[in-house]
Each structure stands twice: as C-alpha cells, then as structure tokens.
Amino acid sequence: MPPLPVHQVRHTVVRYSTFSDLKNNINKFTNRFESHRWILMLAMSVNFSLVDKRRRGTESRKMREEKRSRQRTREDERRRQRKSEDVVGRRETIKNKNKNRKS
C-alpha cells in the first residue's frame, strides 16, 4: 500500500486508552508508511490524544446530567419530607395551643 498523502495522514485521529495502545498503533502505521515515518510521528504528536476510554466527551456529559438529575430528585424528596414534617409539626403545636386555651 503506498503511503498516504501528507494531508490525509495529518487528519488520522484515533483515541487510545493506554500509552502502550498508542505506541503499538504508531508501530503499525510506521510499517505501512515507511517513507513517511517522520511526517507520521509529527502527526501523532499533534493529533493523537490519549483519552481515557471511561471519560469520552459525550459519555461524561450524559453521566454528569444523570447524576445531576438524580441529585435533584433526592433534594426534592428531602424538601417534600421537610415540608410535610413542618406541616405536621405546625398542626400539633396548634392542637397543643388549643388544648391549653380550653383548660
């Protein structure tokens, strides 16, 4: 396979989970584009980002939103409970006041 033209090599962007993955892939590429090895190394240094597979942009955004919504529901439940407790507490204090008034 003939080496790719420089502009195509430059836009080869791939994500790796570990540094060894990246190294292995560089080796694979360099065997294929022997004559373009130095261009490829340059392209790698600019464009190949080591990205943790657990933290991809979109996934992490989704996860963050899910976490936020879960937290919101939890807070809402707490608020509701507090409100109902307050209402019950108020009723009891009113009852007690009325009892005191009667006696």
PDB file of N, CA and C in Angstrom:
ATOM      1  N   MET A   1       0.849  -1.198   0.000  1.00  0.00           N
ATOM      2  CA  MET A   1       0.000   0.000   0.000  1.00  0.00           C
ATOM      3  C   MET A   1       0.884   1.248   0.000  1.00  0.00           C
ATOM      4  N   PRO A   2       0.673   2.163  -0.947  1.00  0.00           N
ATOM      5  CA  PRO A   2       1.524   3.361  -0.988  1.00  0.00           C
ATOM      6  C   PRO A   2       1.233   4.283   0.182  1.00  0.00           C
ATOM      7  N   PRO A   3       2.226   5.055   0.604  1.00  0.00           N
ATOM      8  CA  PRO A   3       1.989   5.968   1.731  1.00  0.00           C
ATOM      9  C   PRO A   3       0.900   6.982   1.405  1.00  0.00           C
ATOM     10  N   LEU A   4       0.136   7.344   2.416  1.00  0.00           N
ATOM     11  CA  LEU A   4      -0.930   8.331   2.208  1.00  0.00           C
ATOM     12  C   LEU A   4      -0.318   9.701   1.967  1.00  0.00           C
ATOM     13  N   PRO A   5      -1.005  10.562   1.206  1.00  0.00           N
ATOM     14  CA  PRO A   5      -0.530  11.945   1.105  1.00  0.00           C
ATOM     15  C   PRO A   5      -0.555  12.620   2.472  1.00  0.00           C
ATOM     16  N   VAL A   6       0.348  13.589   2.647  1.00  0.00           N
ATOM     17  CA  VAL A   6       0.551  14.212   3.958  1.00  0.00           C
ATOM     18  C   VAL A   6      -0.756  14.699   4.565  1.00  0.00           C
ATOM     19  N   HIS A   7      -1.607  15.368   3.770  1.00  0.00           N
ATOM     20  CA  HIS A   7      -2.806  15.960   4.357  1.00  0.00           C
ATOM     21  C   HIS A   7      -3.746  14.894   4.902  1.00  0.00           C
ATOM     22  N   GLN A   8      -3.708  13.681   4.336  1.00  0.00           N
ATOM     23  CA  GLN A   8      -4.557  12.612   4.877  1.00  0.00           C
ATOM     24  C   GLN A   8      -3.969  12.050   6.173  1.00  0.00           C
ATOM     25  N   VAL A   9      -2.662  11.931   6.187  1.00  0.00           N
ATOM     26  CA  VAL A   9      -2.011  11.416   7.394  1.00  0.00           C
ATOM     27  C   VAL A   9      -2.293  12.342   8.558  1.00  0.00           C
ATOM     28  N   ARG A  10      -2.253  13.649   8.286  1.00  0.00           N
ATOM     29  CA  ARG A  10      -2.406  14.629   9.346  1.00  0.00           C
ATOM     30  C   ARG A  10      -3.754  14.480  10.067  1.00  0.00           C
ATOM     31  N   HIS A  11      -4.796  14.041   9.345  1.00  0.00           N
ATOM     32  CA  HIS A  11      -6.122  14.003   9.957  1.00  0.00           C
ATOM     33  C   HIS A  11      -6.526  12.632  10.474  1.00  0.00           C
ATOM     34  N   THR A  12      -5.540  11.749  10.629  1.00  0.00           N
ATOM     35  CA  THR A  12      -5.843  10.437  11.196  1.00  0.00           C
ATOM     36  C   THR A  12      -5.899  10.592  12.707  1.00  0.00           C
ATOM     37  N   VAL A  13      -7.098  10.730  13.248  1.00  0.00           N
ATOM     38  CA  VAL A  13      -7.228  10.928  14.692  1.00  0.00           C
ATOM     39  C   VAL A  13      -7.905   9.706  15.289  1.00  0.00           C
ATOM     40  N   VAL A  14      -7.258   9.096  16.254  1.00  0.00           N
ATOM     41  CA  VAL A  14      -7.807   7.903  16.894  1.00  0.00           C
ATOM     42  C   VAL A  14      -7.624   8.071  18.388  1.00  0.00           C
ATOM     43  N   ARG A  15      -8.508   7.429  19.156  1.00  0.00           N
ATOM     44  CA  ARG A  15      -8.367   7.535  20.612  1.00  0.00           C
ATOM     45  C   ARG A  15      -7.846   6.222  21.185  1.00  0.00           C
ATOM     46  N   TYR A  16      -6.982   6.320  22.183  1.00  0.00           N
ATOM     47  CA  TYR A  16      -6.437   5.136  22.826  1.00  0.00           C
ATOM     48  C   TYR A  16      -6.660   5.204  24.322  1.00  0.00           C
ATOM     49  N   SER A  17      -6.752   4.026  24.925  1.00  0.00           N
ATOM     50  CA  SER A  17      -6.965   4.014  26.368  1.00  0.00           C
ATOM     51  C   SER A  17      -5.632   4.068  27.109  1.00  0.00           C
ATOM     52  N   THR A  18      -4.591   3.472  26.552  1.00  0.00           N
ATOM     53  CA  THR A  18      -3.303   3.469  27.250  1.00  0.00           C
ATOM     54  C   THR A  18      -2.195   3.915  26.321  1.00  0.00           C
ATOM     55  N   PHE A  19      -1.067   4.251  26.911  1.00  0.00           N
ATOM     56  CA  PHE A  19       0.062   4.692  26.119  1.00  0.00           C
ATOM     57  C   PHE A  19       0.584   3.558  25.251  1.00  0.00           C
ATOM     58  N   SER A  20       0.556   2.326  25.782  1.00  0.00           N
ATOM     59  CA  SER A  20       1.065   1.186  25.002  1.00  0.00           C
ATOM     60  C   SER A  20       0.207   0.975  23.756  1.00  0.00           C
ATOM     61  N   ASP A  21      -1.122   1.174  23.887  1.00  0.00           N
ATOM     62  CA  ASP A  21      -2.000   1.092  22.706  1.00  0.00           C
ATOM     63  C   ASP A  21      -1.517   2.063  21.641  1.00  0.00           C
ATOM     64  N   LEU A  22      -1.258   3.273  22.064  1.00  0.00           N
ATOM     65  CA  LEU A  22      -0.820   4.311  21.129  1.00  0.00           C
ATOM     66  C   LEU A  22       0.495   3.908  20.471  1.00  0.00           C
ATOM     67  N   LYS A  23       1.442   3.419  21.315  1.00  0.00           N
ATOM     68  CA  LYS A  23       2.746   3.022  20.783  1.00  0.00           C
ATOM     69  C   LYS A  23       2.592   1.915  19.750  1.00  0.00           C
ATOM     70  N   ASN A  24       1.794   0.890  20.080  1.00  0.00           N
ATOM     71  CA  ASN A  24       1.602  -0.221  19.148  1.00  0.00           C
ATOM     72  C   ASN A  24       1.037   0.291  17.838  1.00  0.00           C
ATOM     73  N   ASN A  25       0.103   1.186  17.938  1.00  0.00           N
ATOM     74  CA  ASN A  25      -0.518   1.692  16.718  1.00  0.00           C
ATOM     75  C   ASN A  25       0.446   2.528  15.902  1.00  0.00           C
ATOM     76  N   ILE A  26       1.284   3.307  16.577  1.00  0.00           N
ATOM     77  CA  ILE A  26       2.296   4.068  15.842  1.00  0.00           C
ATOM     78  C   ILE A  26       3.156   3.076  15.070  1.00  0.00           C
ATOM     79  N   ASN A  27       3.546   1.966  15.738  1.00  0.00           N
ATOM     80  CA  ASN A  27       4.382   0.974  15.061  1.00  0.00           C
ATOM     81  C   ASN A  27       3.672   0.412  13.839  1.00  0.00           C
ATOM     82  N   LYS A  28       2.382   0.095  13.993  1.00  0.00           N
ATOM     83  CA  LYS A  28       1.603  -0.428  12.867  1.00  0.00           C
ATOM     84  C   LYS A  28       1.634   0.556  11.704  1.00  0.00           C
ATOM     85  N   PHE A  29       1.377   1.818  12.026  1.00  0.00           N
ATOM     86  CA  PHE A  29       1.320   2.848  10.989  1.00  0.00           C
ATOM     87  C   PHE A  29       2.677   2.999  10.312  1.00  0.00           C
ATOM     88  N   THR A  30       3.740   3.035  11.124  1.00  0.00           N
ATOM     89  CA  THR A  30       5.055   3.322  10.564  1.00  0.00           C
ATOM     90  C   THR A  30       5.501   2.205   9.644  1.00  0.00           C
ATOM     91  N   ASN A  31       5.064   0.958   9.904  1.00  0.00           N
ATOM     92  CA  ASN A  31       5.413  -0.113   8.969  1.00  0.00           C
ATOM     93  C   ASN A  31       4.719   0.135   7.632  1.00  0.00           C
ATOM     94  N   ARG A  32       3.509   0.663   7.698  1.00  0.00           N
ATOM     95  CA  ARG A  32       2.743   0.866   6.480  1.00  0.00           C
ATOM     96  C   ARG A  32       3.272   2.052   5.685  1.00  0.00           C
ATOM     97  N   PHE A  33       3.642   3.116   6.365  1.00  0.00           N
ATOM     98  CA  PHE A  33       4.111   4.323   5.661  1.00  0.00           C
ATOM     99  C   PHE A  33       5.592   4.532   5.925  1.00  0.00           C
ATOM    100  N   GLU A  34       6.402   3.532   5.580  1.00  0.00           N
ATOM    101  CA  GLU A  34       7.828   3.597   5.917  1.00  0.00           C
ATOM    102  C   GLU A  34       8.453   4.934   5.515  1.00  0.00           C
ATOM    103  N   SER A  35       8.186   5.376   4.290  1.00  0.00           N
ATOM    104  CA  SER A  35       8.845   6.587   3.791  1.00  0.00           C
ATOM    105  C   SER A  35       8.339   7.845   4.500  1.00  0.00           C
ATOM    106  N   HIS A  36       7.141   7.756   5.075  1.00  0.00           N
ATOM    107  CA  HIS A  36       6.568   8.954   5.706  1.00  0.00           C
ATOM    108  C   HIS A  36       6.685   8.923   7.216  1.00  0.00           C
ATOM    109  N   ARG A  37       7.630   8.134   7.710  1.00  0.00           N
ATOM    110  CA  ARG A  37       7.700   7.930   9.153  1.00  0.00           C
ATOM    111  C   ARG A  37       7.785   9.246   9.917  1.00  0.00           C
ATOM    112  N   TRP A  38       8.643  10.160   9.489  1.00  0.00           N
ATOM    113  CA  TRP A  38       8.841  11.402  10.260  1.00  0.00           C
ATOM    114  C   TRP A  38       7.602  12.269  10.219  1.00  0.00           C
ATOM    115  N   ILE A  39       6.904  12.314   9.052  1.00  0.00           N
ATOM    116  CA  ILE A  39       5.658  13.092   8.944  1.00  0.00           C
ATOM    117  C   ILE A  39       4.630  12.493   9.891  1.00  0.00           C
ATOM    118  N   LEU A  40       4.589  11.173   9.907  1.00  0.00           N
ATOM    119  CA  LEU A  40       3.601  10.493  10.732  1.00  0.00           C
ATOM    120  C   LEU A  40       3.861  10.770  12.209  1.00  0.00           C
ATOM    121  N   MET A  41       5.139  10.711  12.609  1.00  0.00           N
ATOM    122  CA  MET A  41       5.462  10.971  14.004  1.00  0.00           C
ATOM    123  C   MET A  41       4.997  12.369  14.384  1.00  0.00           C
ATOM    124  N   LEU A  42       5.189  13.303  13.468  1.00  0.00           N
ATOM    125  CA  LEU A  42       4.750  14.670  13.705  1.00  0.00           C
ATOM    126  C   LEU A  42       3.236  14.710  13.870  1.00  0.00           C
ATOM    127  N   ALA A  43       2.542  14.022  12.953  1.00  0.00           N
ATOM    128  CA  ALA A  43       1.081  13.993  13.002  1.00  0.00           C
ATOM    129  C   ALA A  43       0.617  13.406  14.324  1.00  0.00           C
ATOM    130  N   MET A  44       1.306  12.349  14.759  1.00  0.00           N
ATOM    131  CA  MET A  44       0.942  11.698  16.019  1.00  0.00           C
ATOM    132  C   MET A  44       1.080  12.686  17.164  1.00  0.00           C
ATOM    133  N   SER A  45       2.209  13.389  17.191  1.00  0.00           N
ATOM    134  CA  SER A  45       2.467  14.266  18.330  1.00  0.00           C
ATOM    135  C   SER A  45       1.418  15.374  18.386  1.00  0.00           C
ATOM    136  N   VAL A  46       0.904  15.792  17.219  1.00  0.00           N
ATOM    137  CA  VAL A  46      -0.082  16.872  17.214  1.00  0.00           C
ATOM    138  C   VAL A  46      -1.473  16.334  17.508  1.00  0.00           C
ATOM    139  N   ASN A  47      -1.873  15.267  16.818  1.00  0.00           N
ATOM    140  CA  ASN A  47      -3.289  14.904  16.782  1.00  0.00           C
ATOM    141  C   ASN A  47      -3.717  13.712  17.628  1.00  0.00           C
ATOM    142  N   PHE A  48      -2.789  12.816  17.978  1.00  0.00           N
ATOM    143  CA  PHE A  48      -3.232  11.610  18.658  1.00  0.00           C
ATOM    144  C   PHE A  48      -3.310  11.882  20.147  1.00  0.00           C
ATOM    145  N   SER A  49      -4.515  11.988  20.654  1.00  0.00           N
ATOM    146  CA  SER A  49      -4.643  12.297  22.074  1.00  0.00           C
ATOM    147  C   SER A  49      -4.910  11.012  22.831  1.00  0.00           C
ATOM    148  N   LEU A  50      -4.273  10.893  23.966  1.00  0.00           N
ATOM    149  CA  LEU A  50      -4.541   9.739  24.827  1.00  0.00           C
ATOM    150  C   LEU A  50      -5.794  10.056  25.612  1.00  0.00           C
ATOM    151  N   VAL A  51      -6.843   9.311  25.338  1.00  0.00           N
ATOM    152  CA  VAL A  51      -8.107   9.608  26.011  1.00  0.00           C
ATOM    153  C   VAL A  51      -8.503   8.389  26.819  1.00  0.00           C
ATOM    154  N   ASP A  52      -8.824   8.623  28.070  1.00  0.00           N
ATOM    155  CA  ASP A  52      -9.277   7.541  28.924  1.00  0.00           C
ATOM    156  C   ASP A  52     -10.616   7.064  28.387  1.00  0.00           C
ATOM    157  N   LYS A  53     -10.726   5.769  28.117  1.00  0.00           N
ATOM    158  CA  LYS A  53     -11.951   5.257  27.498  1.00  0.00           C
ATOM    159  C   LYS A  53     -13.181   5.491  28.383  1.00  0.00           C
ATOM    160  N   ARG A  54     -12.958   5.555  29.690  1.00  0.00           N
ATOM    161  CA  ARG A  54     -14.120   5.762  30.567  1.00  0.00           C
ATOM    162  C   ARG A  54     -14.637   7.183  30.469  1.00  0.00           C
ATOM    163  N   ARG A  55     -13.783   8.118  30.049  1.00  0.00           N
ATOM    164  CA  ARG A  55     -14.196   9.523  30.046  1.00  0.00           C
ATOM    165  C   ARG A  55     -14.192  10.111  28.649  1.00  0.00           C
ATOM    166  N   ARG A  56     -15.117   9.672  27.803  1.00  0.00           N
ATOM    167  CA  ARG A  56     -15.241  10.305  26.484  1.00  0.00           C
ATOM    168  C   ARG A  56     -16.179  11.484  26.632  1.00  0.00           C
ATOM    169  N   GLY A  57     -15.922  12.540  25.865  1.00  0.00           N
ATOM    170  CA  GLY A  57     -16.677  13.784  25.997  1.00  0.00           C
ATOM    171  C   GLY A  57     -18.167  13.613  26.178  1.00  0.00           C
ATOM    172  N   THR A  58     -18.835  12.953  25.214  1.00  0.00           N
ATOM    173  CA  THR A  58     -20.304  12.876  25.252  1.00  0.00           C
ATOM    174  C   THR A  58     -20.764  12.025  26.423  1.00  0.00           C
ATOM    175  N   GLU A  59     -20.081  10.891  26.639  1.00  0.00           N
ATOM    176  CA  GLU A  59     -20.490   9.999  27.719  1.00  0.00           C
ATOM    177  C   GLU A  59     -20.419  10.718  29.059  1.00  0.00           C
ATOM    178  N   SER A  60     -19.328  11.419  29.281  1.00  0.00           N
ATOM    179  CA  SER A  60     -19.188  12.076  30.580  1.00  0.00           C
ATOM    180  C   SER A  60     -20.270  13.141  30.752  1.00  0.00           C
ATOM    181  N   ARG A  61     -20.632  13.819  29.641  1.00  0.00           N
ATOM    182  CA  ARG A  61     -21.688  14.821  29.754  1.00  0.00           C
ATOM    183  C   ARG A  61     -22.986  14.137  30.157  1.00  0.00           C
ATOM    184  N   LYS A  62     -23.309  13.018  29.493  1.00  0.00           N
ATOM    185  CA  LYS A  62     -24.530  12.278  29.838  1.00  0.00           C
ATOM    186  C   LYS A  62     -24.504  11.876  31.306  1.00  0.00           C
ATOM    187  N   MET A  63     -23.350  11.317  31.712  1.00  0.00           N
ATOM    188  CA  MET A  63     -23.233  10.857  33.092  1.00  0.00           C
ATOM    189  C   MET A  63     -23.466  12.015  34.061  1.00  0.00           C
ATOM    190  N   ARG A  64     -22.833  13.171  33.737  1.00  0.00           N
ATOM    191  CA  ARG A  64     -22.981  14.328  34.621  1.00  0.00           C
ATOM    192  C   ARG A  64     -24.440  14.726  34.731  1.00  0.00           C
ATOM    193  N   GLU A  65     -25.128  14.751  33.562  1.00  0.00           N
ATOM    194  CA  GLU A  65     -26.538  15.145  33.582  1.00  0.00           C
ATOM    195  C   GLU A  65     -27.363  14.161  34.407  1.00  0.00           C
ATOM    196  N   GLU A  66     -27.087  12.850  34.229  1.00  0.00           N
ATOM    197  CA  GLU A  66     -27.819  11.843  35.019  1.00  0.00           C
ATOM    198  C   GLU A  66     -27.595  12.065  36.505  1.00  0.00           C
ATOM    199  N   LYS A  67     -26.331  12.265  36.876  1.00  0.00           N
ATOM    200  CA  LYS A  67     -26.012  12.488  38.293  1.00  0.00           C
ATOM    201  C   LYS A  67     -26.787  13.682  38.818  1.00  0.00           C
ATOM    202  N   ARG A  68     -26.760  14.780  38.019  1.00  0.00           N
ATOM    203  CA  ARG A  68     -27.441  15.998  38.451  1.00  0.00           C
ATOM    204  C   ARG A  68     -28.917  15.742  38.661  1.00  0.00           C
ATOM    205  N   SER A  69     -29.548  15.041  37.702  1.00  0.00           N
ATOM    206  CA  SER A  69     -30.994  14.810  37.820  1.00  0.00           C
ATOM    207  C   SER A  69     -31.290  13.937  39.046  1.00  0.00           C
ATOM    208  N   ARG A  70     -30.420  12.909  39.267  1.00  0.00           N
ATOM    209  CA  ARG A  70     -30.613  12.063  40.458  1.00  0.00           C
ATOM    210  C   ARG A  70     -30.527  12.898  41.718  1.00  0.00           C
ATOM    211  N   GLN A  71     -29.513  13.776  41.757  1.00  0.00           N
ATOM    212  CA  GLN A  71     -29.335  14.624  42.941  1.00  0.00           C
ATOM    213  C   GLN A  71     -30.556  15.515  43.131  1.00  0.00           C
ATOM    214  N   ARG A  72     -31.051  16.071  42.002  1.00  0.00           N
ATOM    215  CA  ARG A  72     -32.220  16.945  42.090  1.00  0.00           C
ATOM    216  C   ARG A  72     -33.396  16.205  42.683  1.00  0.00           C
ATOM    217  N   THR A  73     -33.661  14.981  42.185  1.00  0.00           N
ATOM    218  CA  THR A  73     -34.816  14.230  42.714  1.00  0.00           C
ATOM    219  C   THR A  73     -34.626  13.973  44.206  1.00  0.00           C
ATOM    220  N   ARG A  74     -33.384  13.632  44.603  1.00  0.00           N
ATOM    221  CA  ARG A  74     -33.117  13.395  46.020  1.00  0.00           C
ATOM    222  C   ARG A  74     -33.422  14.646  46.838  1.00  0.00           C
ATOM    223  N   GLU A  75     -32.916  15.791  46.341  1.00  0.00           N
ATOM    224  CA  GLU A  75     -33.139  17.046  47.070  1.00  0.00           C
ATOM    225  C   GLU A  75     -34.629  17.366  47.142  1.00  0.00           C
ATOM    226  N   ASP A  76     -35.346  17.147  46.018  1.00  0.00           N
ATOM    227  CA  ASP A  76     -36.790  17.411  46.002  1.00  0.00           C
ATOM    228  C   ASP A  76     -37.495  16.551  47.042  1.00  0.00           C
ATOM    229  N   GLU A  77     -37.133  15.248  47.096  1.00  0.00           N
ATOM    230  CA  GLU A  77     -37.756  14.361  48.089  1.00  0.00           C
ATOM    231  C   GLU A  77     -37.500  14.882  49.496  1.00  0.00           C
ATOM    232  N   ARG A  78     -36.238  15.265  49.755  1.00  0.00           N
ATOM    233  CA  ARG A  78     -35.906  15.793  51.089  1.00  0.00           C
ATOM    234  C   ARG A  78     -36.759  17.008  51.412  1.00  0.00           C
ATOM    235  N   ARG A  79     -36.870  17.907  50.409  1.00  0.00           N
ATOM    236  CA  ARG A  79     -37.652  19.125  50.618  1.00  0.00           C
ATOM    237  C   ARG A  79     -39.104  18.778  50.949  1.00  0.00           C
ATOM    238  N   ARG A  80     -39.661  17.855  50.138  1.00  0.00           N
ATOM    239  CA  ARG A  80     -41.064  17.451  50.363  1.00  0.00           C
ATOM    240  C   ARG A  80     -41.247  16.907  51.772  1.00  0.00           C
ATOM    241  N   GLN A  81     -40.290  16.030  52.176  1.00  0.00           N
ATOM    242  CA  GLN A  81     -40.394  15.434  53.502  1.00  0.00           C
ATOM    243  C   GLN A  81     -40.355  16.519  54.579  1.00  0.00           C
ATOM    244  N   ARG A  82     -39.406  17.457  54.413  1.00  0.00           N
ATOM    245  CA  ARG A  82     -39.277  18.525  55.392  1.00  0.00           C
ATOM    246  C   ARG A  82     -40.576  19.312  55.483  1.00  0.00           C
ATOM    247  N   LYS A  83     -41.148  19.623  54.298  1.00  0.00           N
ATOM    248  CA  LYS A  83     -42.386  20.397  54.276  1.00  0.00           C
ATOM    249  C   LYS A  83     -43.484  19.661  55.025  1.00  0.00           C
ATOM    250  N   SER A  84     -43.638  18.342  54.703  1.00  0.00           N
ATOM    251  CA  SER A  84     -44.721  17.586  55.345  1.00  0.00           C
ATOM    252  C   SER A  84     -44.490  17.533  56.859  1.00  0.00           C
ATOM    253  N   GLU A  85     -43.194  17.348  57.264  1.00  0.00           N
ATOM    254  CA  GLU A  85     -42.902  17.340  58.704  1.00  0.00           C
ATOM    255  C   GLU A  85     -43.270  18.676  59.328  1.00  0.00           C
ATOM    256  N   ASP A  86     -42.934  19.763  58.639  1.00  0.00           N
ATOM    257  CA  ASP A  86     -43.263  21.089  59.151  1.00  0.00           C
ATOM    258  C   ASP A  86     -44.761  21.226  59.337  1.00  0.00           C
ATOM    259  N   VAL A  87     -45.524  20.775  58.312  1.00  0.00           N
ATOM    260  CA  VAL A  87     -46.983  20.900  58.387  1.00  0.00           C
ATOM    261  C   VAL A  87     -47.505  20.123  59.589  1.00  0.00           C
ATOM    262  N   VAL A  88     -47.025  18.863  59.739  1.00  0.00           N
ATOM    263  CA  VAL A  88     -47.464  18.039  60.867  1.00  0.00           C
ATOM    264  C   VAL A  88     -47.098  18.731  62.174  1.00  0.00           C
ATOM    265  N   GLY A  89     -45.867  19.216  62.263  1.00  0.00           N
ATOM    266  CA  GLY A  89     -45.410  19.900  63.480  1.00  0.00           C
ATOM    267  C   GLY A  89     -46.292  21.093  63.798  1.00  0.00           C
ATOM    268  N   ARG A  90     -46.630  21.890  62.770  1.00  0.00           N
ATOM    269  CA  ARG A  90     -47.469  23.062  62.982  1.00  0.00           C
ATOM    270  C   ARG A  90     -48.836  22.642  63.516  1.00  0.00           C
ATOM    271  N   ARG A  91     -49.421  21.597  62.889  1.00  0.00           N
ATOM    272  CA  ARG A  91     -50.740  21.125  63.341  1.00  0.00           C
ATOM    273  C   ARG A  91     -50.700  20.768  64.815  1.00  0.00           C
ATOM    274  N   GLU A  92     -49.618  20.023  65.184  1.00  0.00           N
ATOM    275  CA  GLU A  92     -49.531  19.604  66.592  1.00  0.00           C
ATOM    276  C   GLU A  92     -49.402  20.802  67.521  1.00  0.00           C
ATOM    277  N   THR A  93     -48.589  21.781  67.137  1.00  0.00           N
ATOM    278  CA  THR A  93     -48.436  22.943  68.025  1.00  0.00           C
ATOM    279  C   THR A  93     -49.767  23.670  68.146  1.00  0.00           C
ATOM    280  N   ILE A  94     -50.515  23.760  67.034  1.00  0.00           N
ATOM    281  CA  ILE A  94     -51.829  24.426  67.085  1.00  0.00           C
ATOM    282  C   ILE A  94     -52.751  23.661  68.025  1.00  0.00           C
ATOM    283  N   LYS A  95     -52.767  22.317  67.900  1.00  0.00           N
ATOM    284  CA  LYS A  95     -53.603  21.488  68.784  1.00  0.00           C
ATOM    285  C   LYS A  95     -53.251  21.750  70.243  1.00  0.00           C
ATOM    286  N   ASN A  96     -51.933  21.753  70.511  1.00  0.00           N
ATOM    287  CA  ASN A  96     -51.495  21.975  71.892  1.00  0.00           C
ATOM    288  C   ASN A  96     -51.941  23.336  72.399  1.00  0.00           C
ATOM    289  N   LYS A  97     -51.814  24.352  71.561  1.00  0.00           N
ATOM    290  CA  LYS A  97     -52.238  25.695  71.964  1.00  0.00           C
ATOM    291  C   LYS A  97     -53.719  25.688  72.295  1.00  0.00           C
ATOM    292  N   ASN A  98     -54.508  25.033  71.404  1.00  0.00           N
ATOM    293  CA  ASN A  98     -55.957  24.982  71.633  1.00  0.00           C
ATOM    294  C   ASN A  98     -56.272  24.263  72.942  1.00  0.00           C
ATOM    295  N   LYS A  99     -55.563  23.145  73.205  1.00  0.00           N
ATOM    296  CA  LYS A  99     -55.767  22.412  74.458  1.00  0.00           C
ATOM    297  C   LYS A  99     -55.500  23.337  75.645  1.00  0.00           C
ATOM    298  N   ASN A 100     -54.400  24.064  75.559  1.00  0.00           N
ATOM    299  CA  ASN A 100     -54.026  24.966  76.654  1.00  0.00           C
ATOM    300  C   ASN A 100     -55.086  26.040  76.847  1.00  0.00           C
ATOM    301  N   ARG A 101     -55.654  26.517  75.740  1.00  0.00           N
ATOM    302  CA  ARG A 101     -56.671  27.557  75.823  1.00  0.00           C
ATOM    303  C   ARG A 101     -57.914  27.039  76.532  1.00  0.00           C
ATOM    304  N   LYS A 102     -58.313  25.794  76.175  1.00  0.00           N
ATOM    305  CA  LYS A 102     -59.546  25.222  76.734  1.00  0.00           C
ATOM    306  C   LYS A 102     -59.444  25.067  78.248  1.00  0.00           C
ATOM    307  N   SER A 103     -58.292  24.632  78.723  1.00  0.00           N
ATOM    308  CA  SER A 103     -58.176  24.343  80.152  1.00  0.00           C
ATOM    309  C   SER A 103     -58.082  25.596  81.001  1.00  0.00           C
TER     310      SER A 103
END
